[in-house]
C-alpha atoms as a PDB file:
ATOM      1  CA  VAL A   1     109.722  93.615  82.581  1.00  0.00           C
ATOM      2  CA  GLN A   2     109.696  96.983  84.322  1.00  0.00           C
ATOM      3  CA  LEU A   3     107.063  99.550  85.136  1.00  0.00           C
ATOM      4  CA  GLN A   4     107.915 103.144  84.292  1.00  0.00           C
ATOM      5  CA  ALA A   5     106.669 105.954  86.475  1.00  0.00           C
ATOM      6  CA  CYS A   6     106.090 109.461  85.203  1.00  0.00           C
ATOM      7  CA  GLY A   7     104.690 112.794  86.324  1.00  0.00           C
ATOM      8  CA  GLY A   8     107.392 114.008  88.687  1.00  0.00           C
ATOM      9  CA  GLY A   9     108.644 117.554  88.891  1.00  0.00           C
ATOM     10  CA  LEU A  10     109.387 120.520  91.115  1.00  0.00           C
ATOM     11  CA  VAL A  11     106.648 121.684  93.452  1.00  0.00           C
ATOM     12  CA  GLN A  12     106.496 124.058  96.396  1.00  0.00           C
ATOM     13  CA  PRO A  13     105.748 122.824  99.900  1.00  0.00           C
ATOM     14  CA  GLY A  14     102.018 122.439 100.339  1.00  0.00           C
ATOM     15  CA  GLY A  15     101.560 121.793  96.638  1.00  0.00           C
ATOM     16  CA  TYR A  16     100.452 118.710  94.788  1.00  0.00           C
ATOM     17  CA  LEU A  17     101.498 116.351  92.020  1.00  0.00           C
ATOM     18  CA  ARG A  18      99.990 113.321  90.367  1.00  0.00           C
ATOM     19  CA  LEU A  19     102.211 110.437  89.334  1.00  0.00           C
ATOM     20  CA  SER A  20     101.152 107.698  86.989  1.00  0.00           C
ATOM     21  CA  CYS A  21     102.441 104.352  85.819  1.00  0.00           C
ATOM     22  CA  SER A  22     101.263 102.207  82.931  1.00  0.00           C
ATOM     23  CA  TYR A  23     101.309  98.444  82.969  1.00  0.00           C
ATOM     24  CA  SER A  24     100.421  95.520  80.793  1.00  0.00           C
ATOM     25  CA  GLY A  25      96.904  94.516  81.642  1.00  0.00           C
ATOM     26  CA  SER A  26      97.426  90.994  80.397  1.00  0.00           C
ATOM     27  CA  ILE A  27     100.322  90.514  82.820  1.00  0.00           C
ATOM     28  CA  PHE A  28      99.484  92.710  85.800  1.00  0.00           C
ATOM     29  CA  GLY A  29      95.784  93.327  85.505  1.00  0.00           C
ATOM     30  CA  ARG A  30      95.042  91.187  88.554  1.00  0.00           C
ATOM     31  CA  SER A  31      98.169  92.063  90.538  1.00  0.00           C
ATOM     32  CA  ASP A  32      98.575  94.325  93.497  1.00  0.00           C
ATOM     33  CA  LEU A  33     100.339  97.520  92.473  1.00  0.00           C
ATOM     34  CA  GLY A  34     102.394  99.857  94.571  1.00  0.00           C
ATOM     35  CA  TRP A  35     104.413 103.026  94.803  1.00  0.00           C
ATOM     36  CA  PHE A  36     107.814 103.311  96.417  1.00  0.00           C
ATOM     37  CA  ARG A  37     110.379 106.067  96.820  1.00  0.00           C
ATOM     38  CA  GLN A  38     114.063 106.508  97.482  1.00  0.00           C
ATOM     39  CA  THR A  39     116.266 109.392  98.519  1.00  0.00           C
ATOM     40  CA  PRO A  40     120.055 109.339  98.112  1.00  0.00           C
ATOM     41  CA  GLY A  41     121.810 107.370 100.809  1.00  0.00           C
ATOM     42  CA  LYS A  42     118.627 105.757 102.073  1.00  0.00           C
ATOM     43  CA  PRO A  43     116.973 102.447 101.261  1.00  0.00           C
ATOM     44  CA  ARG A  44     113.957 102.435  99.007  1.00  0.00           C
ATOM     45  CA  GLU A  45     110.765 102.653 101.046  1.00  0.00           C
ATOM     46  CA  PHE A  46     107.173 101.611 100.564  1.00  0.00           C
ATOM     47  CA  VAL A  47     104.650 104.407  99.975  1.00  0.00           C
ATOM     48  CA  ALA A  48     101.313 102.897  98.988  1.00  0.00           C
ATOM     49  CA  ARG A  49      99.673  99.753  97.656  1.00  0.00           C
ATOM     50  CA  ILE A  50      96.399  98.942  95.958  1.00  0.00           C
ATOM     51  CA  THR A  51      94.970  95.486  95.399  1.00  0.00           C
ATOM     52  CA  ASN A  52      93.093  94.358  92.340  1.00  0.00           C
ATOM     53  CA  GLY A  53      89.897  94.844  94.316  1.00  0.00           C
ATOM     54  CA  GLY A  54      90.790  98.414  95.259  1.00  0.00           C
ATOM     55  CA  THR A  55      91.865  97.913  98.851  1.00  0.00           C
ATOM     56  CA  THR A  56      94.617 100.359  99.765  1.00  0.00           C
ATOM     57  CA  ASN A  57      97.246 100.767 102.443  1.00  0.00           C
ATOM     58  CA  TYR A  58      99.828 103.486 103.009  1.00  0.00           C
ATOM     59  CA  ALA A  59     103.016 104.266 104.822  1.00  0.00           C
ATOM     60  CA  ASP A  60     102.306 106.279 107.953  1.00  0.00           C
ATOM     61  CA  SER A  61     104.347 109.179 106.595  1.00  0.00           C
ATOM     62  CA  VAL A  62     101.945 109.766 103.692  1.00  0.00           C
ATOM     63  CA  LYS A  63      98.637 108.642 105.155  1.00  0.00           C
ATOM     64  CA  GLY A  64      95.978 111.290 104.689  1.00  0.00           C
ATOM     65  CA  ARG A  65      98.004 113.164 102.065  1.00  0.00           C
ATOM     66  CA  PHE A  66      98.580 110.632  99.288  1.00  0.00           C
ATOM     67  CA  THR A  67      95.976 108.598  97.434  1.00  0.00           C
ATOM     68  CA  ILE A  68      96.711 105.594  95.261  1.00  0.00           C
ATOM     69  CA  SER A  69      94.242 104.564  92.578  1.00  0.00           C
ATOM     70  CA  ARG A  70      94.098 102.303  89.573  1.00  0.00           C
ATOM     71  CA  ASP A  71      92.176 102.276  86.316  1.00  0.00           C
ATOM     72  CA  ASN A  72      91.986  98.706  85.114  1.00  0.00           C
ATOM     73  CA  ALA A  73      90.425  99.793  81.832  1.00  0.00           C
ATOM     74  CA  LYS A  74      93.360 102.050  81.037  1.00  0.00           C
ATOM     75  CA  ASN A  75      95.935  99.852  82.817  1.00  0.00           C
ATOM     76  CA  THR A  76      97.315 102.687  84.883  1.00  0.00           C
ATOM     77  CA  VAL A  77      98.062 103.176  88.551  1.00  0.00           C
ATOM     78  CA  SER A  78      98.288 106.701  89.933  1.00  0.00           C
ATOM     79  CA  LEU A  79      99.505 108.427  93.052  1.00  0.00           C
ATOM     80  CA  GLN A  80      97.864 111.710  93.947  1.00  0.00           C
ATOM     81  CA  MET A  81     100.164 113.567  96.297  1.00  0.00           C
ATOM     82  CA  ASN A  82      98.746 116.520  98.225  1.00  0.00           C
ATOM     83  CA  SER A  83     100.167 118.750 100.939  1.00  0.00           C
ATOM     84  CA  LEU A  84     103.651 117.887  99.827  1.00  0.00           C
ATOM     85  CA  LYS A  85     106.530 118.368 102.225  1.00  0.00           C
ATOM     86  CA  PRO A  86     110.261 118.760 101.559  1.00  0.00           C
ATOM     87  CA  GLU A  87     110.767 115.315 103.056  1.00  0.00           C
ATOM     88  CA  ASP A  88     108.666 113.859 100.249  1.00  0.00           C
ATOM     89  CA  THR A  89     111.485 114.708  97.863  1.00  0.00           C
ATOM     90  CA  ALA A  90     112.592 111.432  96.299  1.00  0.00           C
ATOM     91  CA  VAL A  91     112.643 109.339  93.176  1.00  0.00           C
ATOM     92  CA  TYR A  92     109.315 107.556  92.989  1.00  0.00           C
ATOM     93  CA  TYR A  93     108.869 104.100  91.487  1.00  0.00           C
ATOM     94  CA  CYS A  94     105.989 101.767  90.775  1.00  0.00           C
ATOM     95  CA  ASN A  95     106.215  98.026  91.107  1.00  0.00           C
ATOM     96  CA  VAL A  96     104.246  94.913  91.996  1.00  0.00           C
ATOM     97  CA  PRO A  97     104.437  94.359  95.758  1.00  0.00           C
ATOM     98  CA  LEU A  98     104.350  90.771  96.932  1.00  0.00           C
ATOM     99  CA  ASP A  99     103.250  91.613 100.462  1.00  0.00           C
ATOM    100  CA  GLU A 100     101.117  94.257 102.127  1.00  0.00           C
ATOM    101  CA  ALA A 101     104.069  96.178 103.508  1.00  0.00           C
ATOM    102  CA  GLY A 102     105.877  96.252 100.194  1.00  0.00           C
ATOM    103  CA  ARG A 103     108.968  94.540 101.590  1.00  0.00           C
ATOM    104  CA  PHE A 104     109.257  92.383  98.496  1.00  0.00           C
ATOM    105  CA  VAL A 105     108.478  93.228  94.895  1.00  0.00           C
ATOM    106  CA  ARG A 106     108.073  91.196  91.766  1.00  0.00           C
ATOM    107  CA  LEU A 107     109.903  93.231  89.144  1.00  0.00           C
ATOM    108  CA  LEU A 108     113.218  94.864  88.513  1.00  0.00           C
ATOM    109  CA  TRP A 109     113.123  98.561  89.274  1.00  0.00           C
ATOM    110  CA  GLY A 110     112.505 101.012  86.451  1.00  0.00           C
ATOM    111  CA  GLN A 111     114.041 104.482  86.227  1.00  0.00           C
ATOM    112  CA  GLY A 112     111.526 106.186  88.475  1.00  0.00           C
ATOM    113  CA  THR A 113     110.398 109.789  88.394  1.00  0.00           C
ATOM    114  CA  LEU A 114     111.938 112.555  90.490  1.00  0.00           C
ATOM    115  CA  VAL A 115     109.755 114.598  92.803  1.00  0.00           C
ATOM    116  CA  THR A 116     111.364 117.674  94.330  1.00  0.00           C
ATOM    117  CA  VAL A 117     109.516 119.643  96.982  1.00  0.00           C
ATOM    118  CA  SER A 118     111.228 122.945  97.529  1.00  0.00           C
ATOM    119  CA  SER A 119     110.504 126.655  97.712  1.00  0.00           C
END
C-alpha cells in the first residue's frame, strides 16, 4: 500500500502551494499522517505530522510557513505551503510516520509530487 501525493508545481519565491494526499479511511483513518521531502543527493527528511486527534508538529525549517491538516470525512491530508523559498524545492511525499520525528514510516514510498520554487 502506498499513499500518492499530488498538487506540486512551479511557484515563485514567496508564493504558495497546497499539496494533498488521499488515503484509505478504513486502513489509515486513525493513523498519524505526515509529509516528507527529498532533494537529489540528500536523504528524505521529515516536514510535518498530524495525529488522528489533530495535534501537529513540524520541522524547524518550515515552522510558521507550512500547515498540515486532515479531513477524516474525505480521507485526505493536506500541506499548505506559504512563503515558499528556493530551498523548499523537493519531491514531497506523504506517509504514515511511526514516531513524532518521522524517523520511521509504515509504508513504502509512493511517487511523490515535485515542488519547484524558482523565479
